[in-house]
Amino acid sequence: MFISKAVITAAGRGARQYPASDTVQKAMLPIVDRDGLTKPVLQIIAEEALESGIEEICVVSAPGDEAVYRDHFRNYARNLRTSFRDVDWADDQAQRLLHLEERLTFAVQDEPRGYGHAVWCAREFAGGDPFLLLLGDHLYLSSDPRRCARQLIELATAESCAVSAVQATQEHLIHQYGTLTGRRLTDRPDVYAIDEIIEKPNPTLAELRLHVPGLRAGHYLCFFGMHVLTPTVFELLDEAVGDRREHGAIQLTSALNQLARREKYLALETRGQRFNLGVKFGTIEAQVALAMSGVDRDRILAVLLDAAARIEQASPR
């Protein structure tokens, strides 16, 4: 299995980030990356893919968004070179932006019919090849020298099968994620053969059907926001799109559940963290984590400690 393509789903308007998302696509919201540069979320996610060996990226977007994304990358590169002439970091960043823009393809999701439908819209780009799938509102921070996506790609390549990244997640958060159960491999304690997946279960359902031996009490295996998928997933999504089940929302989780029954499908407990920007304070949490692991670590640590001290002093006794 050779994986050179990635799909990033970015068609959603980010209702939970309104009104900010009413003026700018949520994938274009700015975040300061570990290198100290302010970038749109989409660029940070795309760099995760490119630095993991991906060569081509398809962004699933809403109608009319392609021009916005392309104009941003081109204009930003041009402005960097105009405003910071002969400055190494600016020239390097401009080159990275143009390199990224050249590798982008866009697939339009005409109407919001669910996450599975968004993935299905990239079927022509995938062209029968396995591909890396990334969420447009998740950021990833590896605790390993390899990027999180690289960890996933290496396992999928070695095992020649679909692999989903997962993370042990506390029970009170599982309603935000697809959650699964499976059998831990004897030679790889961080890898599971998937048995069942349920989309955003409640704790009662999870306790009944999704318990995984060996995990800490009160924790379940939840999706990390990235997958390596085989072309079989499009066959399964074709069926769902054809009959518009589940109240018109085409769920990727349903197709992945079928995938686990049809072919070899593994889950990797990824060495790293995922940050869901689509939930309350998710962007703040991601920003602090990136800053604490980057070139501005000492500065942000001092700011946080000072802010905590001021709040404590101002609190009524």
C-alpha atoms as a PDB file:
ATOM      1  CA  MET A   1       0.000   0.000   0.000  1.00  0.00           C
ATOM      2  CA  PHE A   2       1.363   3.403  -1.038  1.00  0.00           C
ATOM      3  CA  ILE A   3      -0.340   6.481   0.397  1.00  0.00           C
ATOM      4  CA  SER A   4       0.350   9.774  -1.358  1.00  0.00           C
ATOM      5  CA  LYS A   5      -3.081  11.446  -1.240  1.00  0.00           C
ATOM      6  CA  ALA A   6      -4.910  13.204   1.573  1.00  0.00           C
ATOM      7  CA  VAL A   7      -8.455  14.527   1.933  1.00  0.00           C
ATOM      8  CA  ILE A   8      -9.311  17.380   4.316  1.00  0.00           C
ATOM      9  CA  THR A   9     -13.014  17.967   4.963  1.00  0.00           C
ATOM     10  CA  ALA A  10     -13.633  21.702   5.336  1.00  0.00           C
ATOM     11  CA  ALA A  11     -17.128  22.364   3.973  1.00  0.00           C
ATOM     12  CA  GLY A  12     -18.815  23.006   7.328  1.00  0.00           C
ATOM     13  CA  ARG A  13     -19.580  26.588   8.292  1.00  0.00           C
ATOM     14  CA  GLY A  14     -18.850  26.128  12.000  1.00  0.00           C
ATOM     15  CA  ALA A  15     -22.191  26.947  13.612  1.00  0.00           C
ATOM     16  CA  ARG A  16     -20.650  26.548  17.065  1.00  0.00           C
ATOM     17  CA  GLN A  17     -18.090  29.254  16.214  1.00  0.00           C
ATOM     18  CA  TYR A  18     -20.680  31.784  15.108  1.00  0.00           C
ATOM     19  CA  PRO A  19     -20.455  34.777  14.608  1.00  0.00           C
ATOM     20  CA  ALA A  20     -16.738  34.488  13.765  1.00  0.00           C
ATOM     21  CA  SER A  21     -17.475  31.767  11.210  1.00  0.00           C
ATOM     22  CA  ASP A  22     -20.063  34.029   9.563  1.00  0.00           C
ATOM     23  CA  THR A  23     -17.291  36.248   8.189  1.00  0.00           C
ATOM     24  CA  VAL A  24     -14.487  33.724   7.617  1.00  0.00           C
ATOM     25  CA  GLN A  25     -14.471  29.969   6.987  1.00  0.00           C
ATOM     26  CA  LYS A  26     -13.605  28.115  10.165  1.00  0.00           C
ATOM     27  CA  ALA A  27     -10.694  26.438   8.353  1.00  0.00           C
ATOM     28  CA  MET A  28      -9.218  29.913   7.819  1.00  0.00           C
ATOM     29  CA  LEU A  29      -9.344  31.014  11.454  1.00  0.00           C
ATOM     30  CA  PRO A  30      -5.813  32.043  12.568  1.00  0.00           C
ATOM     31  CA  ILE A  31      -3.670  30.065  14.998  1.00  0.00           C
ATOM     32  CA  VAL A  32      -0.048  30.659  16.026  1.00  0.00           C
ATOM     33  CA  ASP A  33       1.818  27.484  15.094  1.00  0.00           C
ATOM     34  CA  ARG A  34       4.761  25.936  16.939  1.00  0.00           C
ATOM     35  CA  ASP A  35       7.204  27.825  14.719  1.00  0.00           C
ATOM     36  CA  GLY A  36       5.782  31.128  15.997  1.00  0.00           C
ATOM     37  CA  LEU A  37       4.035  32.032  12.723  1.00  0.00           C
ATOM     38  CA  THR A  38       0.335  32.816  12.521  1.00  0.00           C
ATOM     39  CA  LYS A  39      -1.388  30.526  10.022  1.00  0.00           C
ATOM     40  CA  PRO A  40      -4.924  29.564   9.066  1.00  0.00           C
ATOM     41  CA  VAL A  41      -6.040  26.249  10.535  1.00  0.00           C
ATOM     42  CA  LEU A  42      -6.166  24.691   7.048  1.00  0.00           C
ATOM     43  CA  GLN A  43      -2.475  25.405   6.483  1.00  0.00           C
ATOM     44  CA  ILE A  44      -1.466  23.764   9.760  1.00  0.00           C
ATOM     45  CA  ILE A  45      -3.508  20.657   8.917  1.00  0.00           C
ATOM     46  CA  ALA A  46      -2.115  20.523   5.370  1.00  0.00           C
ATOM     47  CA  GLU A  47       1.440  20.771   6.679  1.00  0.00           C
ATOM     48  CA  GLU A  48       0.694  17.801   8.954  1.00  0.00           C
ATOM     49  CA  ALA A  49      -0.056  15.829   5.781  1.00  0.00           C
ATOM     50  CA  LEU A  50       2.801  17.128   3.629  1.00  0.00           C
ATOM     51  CA  GLU A  51       5.393  16.539   6.349  1.00  0.00           C
ATOM     52  CA  SER A  52       4.098  12.960   6.656  1.00  0.00           C
ATOM     53  CA  GLY A  53       4.874  12.151   3.028  1.00  0.00           C
ATOM     54  CA  ILE A  54       1.629  13.195   1.327  1.00  0.00           C
ATOM     55  CA  GLU A  55       2.016  14.647  -2.170  1.00  0.00           C
ATOM     56  CA  GLU A  56      -1.537  15.680  -3.152  1.00  0.00           C
ATOM     57  CA  ILE A  57      -4.319  17.162  -1.006  1.00  0.00           C
ATOM     58  CA  CYS A  58      -8.025  17.458  -1.769  1.00  0.00           C
ATOM     59  CA  VAL A  59     -10.008  19.965   0.275  1.00  0.00           C
ATOM     60  CA  VAL A  60     -13.739  19.244   0.411  1.00  0.00           C
ATOM     61  CA  SER A  61     -15.267  22.711   0.518  1.00  0.00           C
ATOM     62  CA  ALA A  62     -18.567  24.525   0.244  1.00  0.00           C
ATOM     63  CA  PRO A  63     -19.527  26.101  -3.099  1.00  0.00           C
ATOM     64  CA  GLY A  64     -17.420  29.180  -3.863  1.00  0.00           C
ATOM     65  CA  ASP A  65     -14.766  28.517  -1.232  1.00  0.00           C
ATOM     66  CA  GLU A  66     -11.979  27.371  -3.554  1.00  0.00           C
ATOM     67  CA  ALA A  67     -11.281  30.914  -4.765  1.00  0.00           C
ATOM     68  CA  VAL A  68     -11.146  32.173  -1.171  1.00  0.00           C
ATOM     69  CA  TYR A  69      -8.590  29.565  -0.162  1.00  0.00           C
ATOM     70  CA  ARG A  70      -6.414  29.962  -3.245  1.00  0.00           C
ATOM     71  CA  ASP A  71      -6.478  33.761  -3.075  1.00  0.00           C
ATOM     72  CA  HIS A  72      -5.435  33.647   0.559  1.00  0.00           C
ATOM     73  CA  PHE A  73      -2.375  31.489  -0.030  1.00  0.00           C
ATOM     74  CA  ARG A  74      -1.260  33.415  -3.122  1.00  0.00           C
ATOM     75  CA  ASN A  75      -1.846  36.871  -1.640  1.00  0.00           C
ATOM     76  CA  TYR A  76      -0.236  35.950   1.682  1.00  0.00           C
ATOM     77  CA  ALA A  77       2.883  34.710  -0.125  1.00  0.00           C
ATOM     78  CA  ARG A  78       2.992  37.869  -2.241  1.00  0.00           C
ATOM     79  CA  ASN A  79       2.552  40.152   0.767  1.00  0.00           C
ATOM     80  CA  LEU A  80       5.285  38.376   2.710  1.00  0.00           C
ATOM     81  CA  ARG A  81       7.798  38.908  -0.081  1.00  0.00           C
ATOM     82  CA  THR A  82       6.712  42.530  -0.569  1.00  0.00           C
ATOM     83  CA  SER A  83       6.668  43.524   3.102  1.00  0.00           C
ATOM     84  CA  PHE A  84       9.736  41.560   4.236  1.00  0.00           C
ATOM     85  CA  ARG A  85      12.198  41.759   1.383  1.00  0.00           C
ATOM     86  CA  ASP A  86      15.346  39.655   1.814  1.00  0.00           C
ATOM     87  CA  VAL A  87      14.101  38.299   5.168  1.00  0.00           C
ATOM     88  CA  ASP A  88      14.786  34.579   5.367  1.00  0.00           C
ATOM     89  CA  TRP A  89      11.775  33.499   7.441  1.00  0.00           C
ATOM     90  CA  ALA A  90       9.359  35.428   5.224  1.00  0.00           C
ATOM     91  CA  ASP A  91      10.810  33.986   2.027  1.00  0.00           C
ATOM     92  CA  ASP A  92      10.691  30.483   3.493  1.00  0.00           C
ATOM     93  CA  GLN A  93       7.072  30.923   4.556  1.00  0.00           C
ATOM     94  CA  ALA A  94       6.111  32.303   1.127  1.00  0.00           C
ATOM     95  CA  GLN A  95       7.670  29.280  -0.551  1.00  0.00           C
ATOM     96  CA  ARG A  96       5.799  26.936   1.779  1.00  0.00           C
ATOM     97  CA  LEU A  97       2.500  28.642   0.966  1.00  0.00           C
ATOM     98  CA  LEU A  98       3.035  28.414  -2.795  1.00  0.00           C
ATOM     99  CA  HIS A  99       4.212  24.796  -2.469  1.00  0.00           C
ATOM    100  CA  LEU A 100       1.008  24.000  -0.570  1.00  0.00           C
ATOM    101  CA  GLU A 101      -1.291  25.850  -2.971  1.00  0.00           C
ATOM    102  CA  GLU A 102       0.166  23.970  -5.950  1.00  0.00           C
ATOM    103  CA  ARG A 103      -0.727  20.648  -4.326  1.00  0.00           C
ATOM    104  CA  LEU A 104      -4.332  21.520  -3.537  1.00  0.00           C
ATOM    105  CA  THR A 105      -7.324  20.115  -5.385  1.00  0.00           C
ATOM    106  CA  PHE A 106     -10.895  21.020  -4.408  1.00  0.00           C
ATOM    107  CA  ALA A 107     -14.062  18.940  -4.318  1.00  0.00           C
ATOM    108  CA  VAL A 108     -17.348  20.759  -3.735  1.00  0.00           C
ATOM    109  CA  GLN A 109     -19.977  19.526  -1.300  1.00  0.00           C
ATOM    110  CA  ASP A 110     -23.083  21.190  -2.750  1.00  0.00           C
ATOM    111  CA  GLU A 111     -25.223  20.662   0.337  1.00  0.00           C
ATOM    112  CA  PRO A 112     -24.497  19.603   3.941  1.00  0.00           C
ATOM    113  CA  ARG A 113     -25.547  15.952   4.010  1.00  0.00           C
ATOM    114  CA  GLY A 114     -23.202  14.696   6.706  1.00  0.00           C
ATOM    115  CA  TYR A 115     -19.547  13.865   7.187  1.00  0.00           C
ATOM    116  CA  GLY A 116     -19.770  10.667   5.167  1.00  0.00           C
ATOM    117  CA  HIS A 117     -21.193  12.625   2.244  1.00  0.00           C
ATOM    118  CA  ALA A 118     -18.291  15.105   2.480  1.00  0.00           C
ATOM    119  CA  VAL A 119     -15.806  12.236   2.214  1.00  0.00           C
ATOM    120  CA  TRP A 120     -17.803  10.732  -0.677  1.00  0.00           C
ATOM    121  CA  CYS A 121     -17.398  14.009  -2.592  1.00  0.00           C
ATOM    122  CA  ALA A 122     -13.635  13.302  -2.826  1.00  0.00           C
ATOM    123  CA  ARG A 123     -14.083   9.942  -4.580  1.00  0.00           C
ATOM    124  CA  GLU A 124     -12.870  11.171  -7.980  1.00  0.00           C
ATOM    125  CA  PHE A 125      -9.738  12.641  -6.415  1.00  0.00           C
ATOM    126  CA  ALA A 126      -8.967   9.375  -4.599  1.00  0.00           C
ATOM    127  CA  GLY A 127      -9.313   7.520  -7.884  1.00  0.00           C
ATOM    128  CA  GLY A 128      -9.223   4.033  -6.408  1.00  0.00           C
ATOM    129  CA  ASP A 129      -6.186   4.719  -4.183  1.00  0.00           C
ATOM    130  CA  PRO A 130      -5.925   4.558  -0.388  1.00  0.00           C
ATOM    131  CA  PHE A 131      -5.870   7.997   1.194  1.00  0.00           C
ATOM    132  CA  LEU A 132      -5.266   9.880   4.427  1.00  0.00           C
ATOM    133  CA  LEU A 133      -8.394  11.579   5.791  1.00  0.00           C
ATOM    134  CA  LEU A 134      -8.123  14.591   8.106  1.00  0.00           C
ATOM    135  CA  LEU A 135     -10.796  16.700   9.767  1.00  0.00           C
ATOM    136  CA  GLY A 136     -10.781  20.378   8.928  1.00  0.00           C
ATOM    137  CA  ASP A 137     -11.450  21.407  12.535  1.00  0.00           C
ATOM    138  CA  HIS A 138      -8.928  19.217  14.356  1.00  0.00           C
ATOM    139  CA  LEU A 139      -5.288  20.005  15.090  1.00  0.00           C
ATOM    140  CA  TYR A 140      -2.751  17.367  16.081  1.00  0.00           C
ATOM    141  CA  LEU A 141       0.275  17.531  18.356  1.00  0.00           C
ATOM    142  CA  SER A 142       2.620  14.556  18.367  1.00  0.00           C
ATOM    143  CA  SER A 143       4.554  13.363  21.409  1.00  0.00           C
ATOM    144  CA  ASP A 144       6.737  11.302  19.048  1.00  0.00           C
ATOM    145  CA  PRO A 145       9.442  12.558  16.644  1.00  0.00           C
ATOM    146  CA  ARG A 146       7.081  11.482  13.856  1.00  0.00           C
ATOM    147  CA  ARG A 147       3.982  13.470  13.025  1.00  0.00           C
ATOM    148  CA  CYS A 148       0.698  11.831  14.089  1.00  0.00           C
ATOM    149  CA  ALA A 149      -0.243  11.299  10.440  1.00  0.00           C
ATOM    150  CA  ARG A 150       3.127   9.684   9.756  1.00  0.00           C
ATOM    151  CA  GLN A 151       2.531   7.176  12.573  1.00  0.00           C
ATOM    152  CA  LEU A 152      -0.782   6.237  10.973  1.00  0.00           C
ATOM    153  CA  ILE A 153       0.596   5.990   7.434  1.00  0.00           C
ATOM    154  CA  GLU A 154       3.495   3.781   8.518  1.00  0.00           C
ATOM    155  CA  LEU A 155       1.155   1.261  10.175  1.00  0.00           C
ATOM    156  CA  ALA A 156      -1.266   1.248   7.225  1.00  0.00           C
ATOM    157  CA  THR A 157       1.642   0.697   4.821  1.00  0.00           C
ATOM    158  CA  ALA A 158       3.112  -2.115   6.920  1.00  0.00           C
ATOM    159  CA  GLU A 159      -0.250  -3.904   7.380  1.00  0.00           C
ATOM    160  CA  SER A 160      -1.744  -3.053   3.942  1.00  0.00           C
ATOM    161  CA  CYS A 161      -5.105  -2.113   5.415  1.00  0.00           C
ATOM    162  CA  ALA A 162      -7.263   0.745   6.632  1.00  0.00           C
ATOM    163  CA  VAL A 163      -6.193   2.271   9.950  1.00  0.00           C
ATOM    164  CA  SER A 164      -7.948   4.830  12.159  1.00  0.00           C
ATOM    165  CA  ALA A 165      -6.125   6.837  14.789  1.00  0.00           C
ATOM    166  CA  VAL A 166      -7.696   6.654  18.247  1.00  0.00           C
ATOM    167  CA  GLN A 167      -7.077   8.126  21.668  1.00  0.00           C
ATOM    168  CA  ALA A 168      -8.153   6.976  25.111  1.00  0.00           C
ATOM    169  CA  THR A 169     -10.817   9.529  26.035  1.00  0.00           C
ATOM    170  CA  GLN A 170     -12.628  10.243  29.290  1.00  0.00           C
ATOM    171  CA  GLU A 171     -16.226   9.075  29.494  1.00  0.00           C
ATOM    172  CA  HIS A 172     -17.742  12.560  29.776  1.00  0.00           C
ATOM    173  CA  LEU A 173     -16.255  13.512  26.379  1.00  0.00           C
ATOM    174  CA  ILE A 174     -17.211  10.501  24.267  1.00  0.00           C
ATOM    175  CA  HIS A 175     -20.439  12.134  23.063  1.00  0.00           C
ATOM    176  CA  GLN A 176     -18.187  14.272  20.838  1.00  0.00           C
ATOM    177  CA  TYR A 177     -16.504  11.401  18.970  1.00  0.00           C
ATOM    178  CA  GLY A 178     -16.933   8.136  17.146  1.00  0.00           C
ATOM    179  CA  THR A 179     -16.077   5.466  19.734  1.00  0.00           C
ATOM    180  CA  LEU A 180     -14.984   1.888  19.143  1.00  0.00           C
ATOM    181  CA  THR A 181     -14.135  -1.397  20.728  1.00  0.00           C
ATOM    182  CA  GLY A 182     -11.667  -3.992  19.522  1.00  0.00           C
ATOM    183  CA  ARG A 183      -9.108  -6.645  20.338  1.00  0.00           C
ATOM    184  CA  ARG A 184      -5.601  -5.537  21.251  1.00  0.00           C
ATOM    185  CA  LEU A 185      -2.921  -7.198  19.089  1.00  0.00           C
ATOM    186  CA  THR A 186      -0.538  -9.402  21.066  1.00  0.00           C
ATOM    187  CA  ASP A 187       2.601  -8.017  19.400  1.00  0.00           C
ATOM    188  CA  ARG A 188       1.431  -4.366  19.299  1.00  0.00           C
ATOM    189  CA  PRO A 189      -0.321  -3.211  22.486  1.00  0.00           C
ATOM    190  CA  ASP A 190      -1.084   0.140  20.835  1.00  0.00           C
ATOM    191  CA  VAL A 191      -2.946  -1.469  17.903  1.00  0.00           C
ATOM    192  CA  TYR A 192      -6.477  -2.942  17.903  1.00  0.00           C
ATOM    193  CA  ALA A 193      -8.466  -5.037  15.458  1.00  0.00           C
ATOM    194  CA  ILE A 194     -11.742  -3.122  15.288  1.00  0.00           C
ATOM    195  CA  ASP A 195     -14.958  -4.940  16.222  1.00  0.00           C
ATOM    196  CA  GLU A 196     -17.587  -2.203  16.446  1.00  0.00           C
ATOM    197  CA  ILE A 197     -17.885   1.578  16.094  1.00  0.00           C
ATOM    198  CA  ILE A 198     -20.689   3.782  17.429  1.00  0.00           C
ATOM    199  CA  GLU A 199     -21.034   7.461  16.577  1.00  0.00           C
ATOM    200  CA  LYS A 200     -21.054   9.727  19.660  1.00  0.00           C
ATOM    201  CA  PRO A 201     -22.475   7.208  22.157  1.00  0.00           C
ATOM    202  CA  ASN A 202     -23.816   8.063  25.576  1.00  0.00           C
ATOM    203  CA  PRO A 203     -21.994   6.611  28.613  1.00  0.00           C
ATOM    204  CA  THR A 204     -24.621   3.903  29.200  1.00  0.00           C
ATOM    205  CA  LEU A 205     -24.328   2.553  25.662  1.00  0.00           C
ATOM    206  CA  ALA A 206     -20.549   2.757  25.811  1.00  0.00           C
ATOM    207  CA  GLU A 207     -20.429   0.795  29.049  1.00  0.00           C
ATOM    208  CA  LEU A 208     -22.611  -1.934  27.551  1.00  0.00           C
ATOM    209  CA  ARG A 209     -20.915  -2.332  24.165  1.00  0.00           C
ATOM    210  CA  LEU A 210     -17.623  -0.432  23.906  1.00  0.00           C
ATOM    211  CA  HIS A 211     -15.541  -1.485  26.902  1.00  0.00           C
ATOM    212  CA  VAL A 212     -11.920  -2.241  25.969  1.00  0.00           C
ATOM    213  CA  PRO A 213      -9.921  -4.421  28.396  1.00  0.00           C
ATOM    214  CA  GLY A 214      -6.723  -2.763  29.550  1.00  0.00           C
ATOM    215  CA  LEU A 215      -7.865   0.851  29.299  1.00  0.00           C
ATOM    216  CA  ARG A 216      -8.022   3.002  32.403  1.00  0.00           C
ATOM    217  CA  ALA A 217     -11.381   2.985  34.186  1.00  0.00           C
ATOM    218  CA  GLY A 218     -13.778   5.511  32.692  1.00  0.00           C
ATOM    219  CA  HIS A 219     -11.904   5.729  29.364  1.00  0.00           C
ATOM    220  CA  TYR A 220     -12.890   4.611  25.862  1.00  0.00           C
ATOM    221  CA  LEU A 221     -11.169   4.486  22.476  1.00  0.00           C
ATOM    222  CA  CYS A 222     -12.381   7.478  20.471  1.00  0.00           C
ATOM    223  CA  PHE A 223     -11.468   8.609  16.991  1.00  0.00           C
ATOM    224  CA  PHE A 224      -8.494  10.952  16.828  1.00  0.00           C
ATOM    225  CA  GLY A 225      -9.704  12.821  13.728  1.00  0.00           C
ATOM    226  CA  MET A 226      -7.538  11.081  11.121  1.00  0.00           C
ATOM    227  CA  HIS A 227      -7.811   7.855   9.158  1.00  0.00           C
ATOM    228  CA  VAL A 228      -6.098   5.979   6.351  1.00  0.00           C
ATOM    229  CA  LEU A 229      -8.916   4.468   4.316  1.00  0.00           C
ATOM    230  CA  THR A 230      -9.093   2.070   1.385  1.00  0.00           C
ATOM    231  CA  PRO A 231     -11.264   2.625  -1.726  1.00  0.00           C
ATOM    232  CA  THR A 232     -13.807   0.189  -0.248  1.00  0.00           C
ATOM    233  CA  VAL A 233     -15.154   3.040   1.858  1.00  0.00           C
ATOM    234  CA  PHE A 234     -16.493   4.731  -1.286  1.00  0.00           C
ATOM    235  CA  GLU A 235     -18.418   1.597  -2.246  1.00  0.00           C
ATOM    236  CA  LEU A 236     -20.055   1.650   1.177  1.00  0.00           C
ATOM    237  CA  LEU A 237     -20.761   5.375   1.010  1.00  0.00           C
ATOM    238  CA  ASP A 238     -22.250   4.947  -2.486  1.00  0.00           C
ATOM    239  CA  GLU A 239     -24.949   2.759  -0.969  1.00  0.00           C
ATOM    240  CA  ALA A 240     -25.718   5.301   1.753  1.00  0.00           C
ATOM    241  CA  VAL A 241     -25.799   8.245  -0.649  1.00  0.00           C
ATOM    242  CA  GLY A 242     -28.116   6.300  -2.953  1.00  0.00           C
ATOM    243  CA  ASP A 243     -30.866   5.723  -0.407  1.00  0.00           C
ATOM    244  CA  ARG A 244     -30.355   8.825   1.822  1.00  0.00           C
ATOM    245  CA  ARG A 245     -30.836   6.926   5.065  1.00  0.00           C
ATOM    246  CA  GLU A 246     -30.340   8.333   8.582  1.00  0.00           C
ATOM    247  CA  HIS A 247     -32.570  11.386   8.009  1.00  0.00           C
ATOM    248  CA  GLY A 248     -30.520  12.536   5.028  1.00  0.00           C
ATOM    249  CA  ALA A 249     -27.237  12.689   6.974  1.00  0.00           C
ATOM    250  CA  ILE A 250     -24.671  10.313   5.516  1.00  0.00           C
ATOM    251  CA  GLN A 251     -22.503   9.192   8.434  1.00  0.00           C
ATOM    252  CA  LEU A 252     -18.937   8.035   7.852  1.00  0.00           C
ATOM    253  CA  THR A 253     -19.099   5.975  11.051  1.00  0.00           C
ATOM    254  CA  SER A 254     -21.786   3.719   9.560  1.00  0.00           C
ATOM    255  CA  ALA A 255     -19.571   2.999   6.548  1.00  0.00           C
ATOM    256  CA  LEU A 256     -16.551   2.352   8.784  1.00  0.00           C
ATOM    257  CA  ASN A 257     -18.577  -0.085  10.868  1.00  0.00           C
ATOM    258  CA  GLN A 258     -19.324  -2.026   7.688  1.00  0.00           C
ATOM    259  CA  LEU A 259     -15.695  -1.741   6.613  1.00  0.00           C
ATOM    260  CA  ALA A 260     -14.623  -3.539   9.804  1.00  0.00           C
ATOM    261  CA  ARG A 261     -16.841  -6.482   8.798  1.00  0.00           C
ATOM    262  CA  ARG A 262     -15.672  -6.564   5.194  1.00  0.00           C
ATOM    263  CA  GLU A 263     -11.866  -6.307   5.416  1.00  0.00           C
ATOM    264  CA  LYS A 264      -8.920  -5.938   7.760  1.00  0.00           C
ATOM    265  CA  TYR A 265      -9.268  -2.674   9.661  1.00  0.00           C
ATOM    266  CA  LEU A 266      -7.070  -1.555  12.559  1.00  0.00           C
ATOM    267  CA  ALA A 267      -6.994   1.244  15.126  1.00  0.00           C
ATOM    268  CA  LEU A 268      -3.760   2.852  16.302  1.00  0.00           C
ATOM    269  CA  GLU A 269      -3.532   4.471  19.717  1.00  0.00           C
ATOM    270  CA  THR A 270      -1.618   7.464  18.434  1.00  0.00           C
ATOM    271  CA  ARG A 271       1.253   9.040  20.347  1.00  0.00           C
ATOM    272  CA  GLY A 272      -0.011  12.577  20.550  1.00  0.00           C
ATOM    273  CA  GLN A 273      -3.054  14.706  21.228  1.00  0.00           C
ATOM    274  CA  ARG A 274      -5.932  15.918  19.102  1.00  0.00           C
ATOM    275  CA  PHE A 275      -7.632  19.237  19.644  1.00  0.00           C
ATOM    276  CA  ASN A 276     -11.221  19.672  18.525  1.00  0.00           C
ATOM    277  CA  LEU A 277     -11.651  23.284  17.444  1.00  0.00           C
ATOM    278  CA  GLY A 278     -15.383  22.777  16.992  1.00  0.00           C
ATOM    279  CA  VAL A 279     -16.180  22.687  20.703  1.00  0.00           C
ATOM    280  CA  LYS A 280     -16.280  25.456  23.285  1.00  0.00           C
ATOM    281  CA  PHE A 281     -12.766  26.654  24.181  1.00  0.00           C
ATOM    282  CA  GLY A 282     -11.304  24.120  21.732  1.00  0.00           C
ATOM    283  CA  THR A 283      -9.395  26.820  19.852  1.00  0.00           C
ATOM    284  CA  ILE A 284      -7.978  28.231  23.082  1.00  0.00           C
ATOM    285  CA  GLU A 285      -6.880  24.793  24.262  1.00  0.00           C
ATOM    286  CA  ALA A 286      -5.202  24.093  20.910  1.00  0.00           C
ATOM    287  CA  GLN A 287      -3.471  27.481  20.896  1.00  0.00           C
ATOM    288  CA  VAL A 288      -2.041  27.036  24.371  1.00  0.00           C
ATOM    289  CA  ALA A 289      -0.835  23.506  23.558  1.00  0.00           C
ATOM    290  CA  LEU A 290       0.886  24.594  20.333  1.00  0.00           C
ATOM    291  CA  ALA A 291       2.530  27.542  22.056  1.00  0.00           C
ATOM    292  CA  MET A 292       3.720  25.406  24.977  1.00  0.00           C
ATOM    293  CA  SER A 293       5.398  22.965  22.576  1.00  0.00           C
ATOM    294  CA  GLY A 294       6.907  25.579  20.246  1.00  0.00           C
ATOM    295  CA  VAL A 295       9.460  28.361  20.038  1.00  0.00           C
ATOM    296  CA  ASP A 296       7.357  30.650  22.270  1.00  0.00           C
ATOM    297  CA  ARG A 297       7.108  28.183  25.146  1.00  0.00           C
ATOM    298  CA  ASP A 298       8.888  30.292  27.761  1.00  0.00           C
ATOM    299  CA  ARG A 299       6.958  33.404  26.795  1.00  0.00           C
ATOM    300  CA  ILE A 300       3.518  31.800  26.911  1.00  0.00           C
ATOM    301  CA  LEU A 301       4.355  30.000  30.162  1.00  0.00           C
ATOM    302  CA  ALA A 302       5.268  33.319  31.788  1.00  0.00           C
ATOM    303  CA  VAL A 303       2.053  34.906  30.486  1.00  0.00           C
ATOM    304  CA  LEU A 304      -0.096  32.052  31.812  1.00  0.00           C
ATOM    305  CA  LEU A 305       1.563  32.066  35.233  1.00  0.00           C
ATOM    306  CA  ASP A 306       1.198  35.839  35.492  1.00  0.00           C
ATOM    307  CA  ALA A 307      -2.469  35.673  34.452  1.00  0.00           C
ATOM    308  CA  ALA A 308      -3.171  32.902  36.972  1.00  0.00           C
ATOM    309  CA  ALA A 309      -1.507  34.904  39.745  1.00  0.00           C
ATOM    310  CA  ARG A 310      -3.525  38.035  38.907  1.00  0.00           C
ATOM    311  CA  ILE A 311      -6.801  36.097  38.861  1.00  0.00           C
ATOM    312  CA  GLU A 312      -5.972  34.486  42.188  1.00  0.00           C
ATOM    313  CA  GLN A 313      -5.153  37.857  43.752  1.00  0.00           C
ATOM    314  CA  ALA A 314      -8.395  39.365  42.442  1.00  0.00           C
ATOM    315  CA  SER A 315     -10.569  36.506  43.672  1.00  0.00           C
ATOM    316  CA  PRO A 316     -12.664  37.269  46.767  1.00  0.00           C
ATOM    317  CA  ARG A 317     -11.501  35.458  49.867  1.00  0.00           C
END
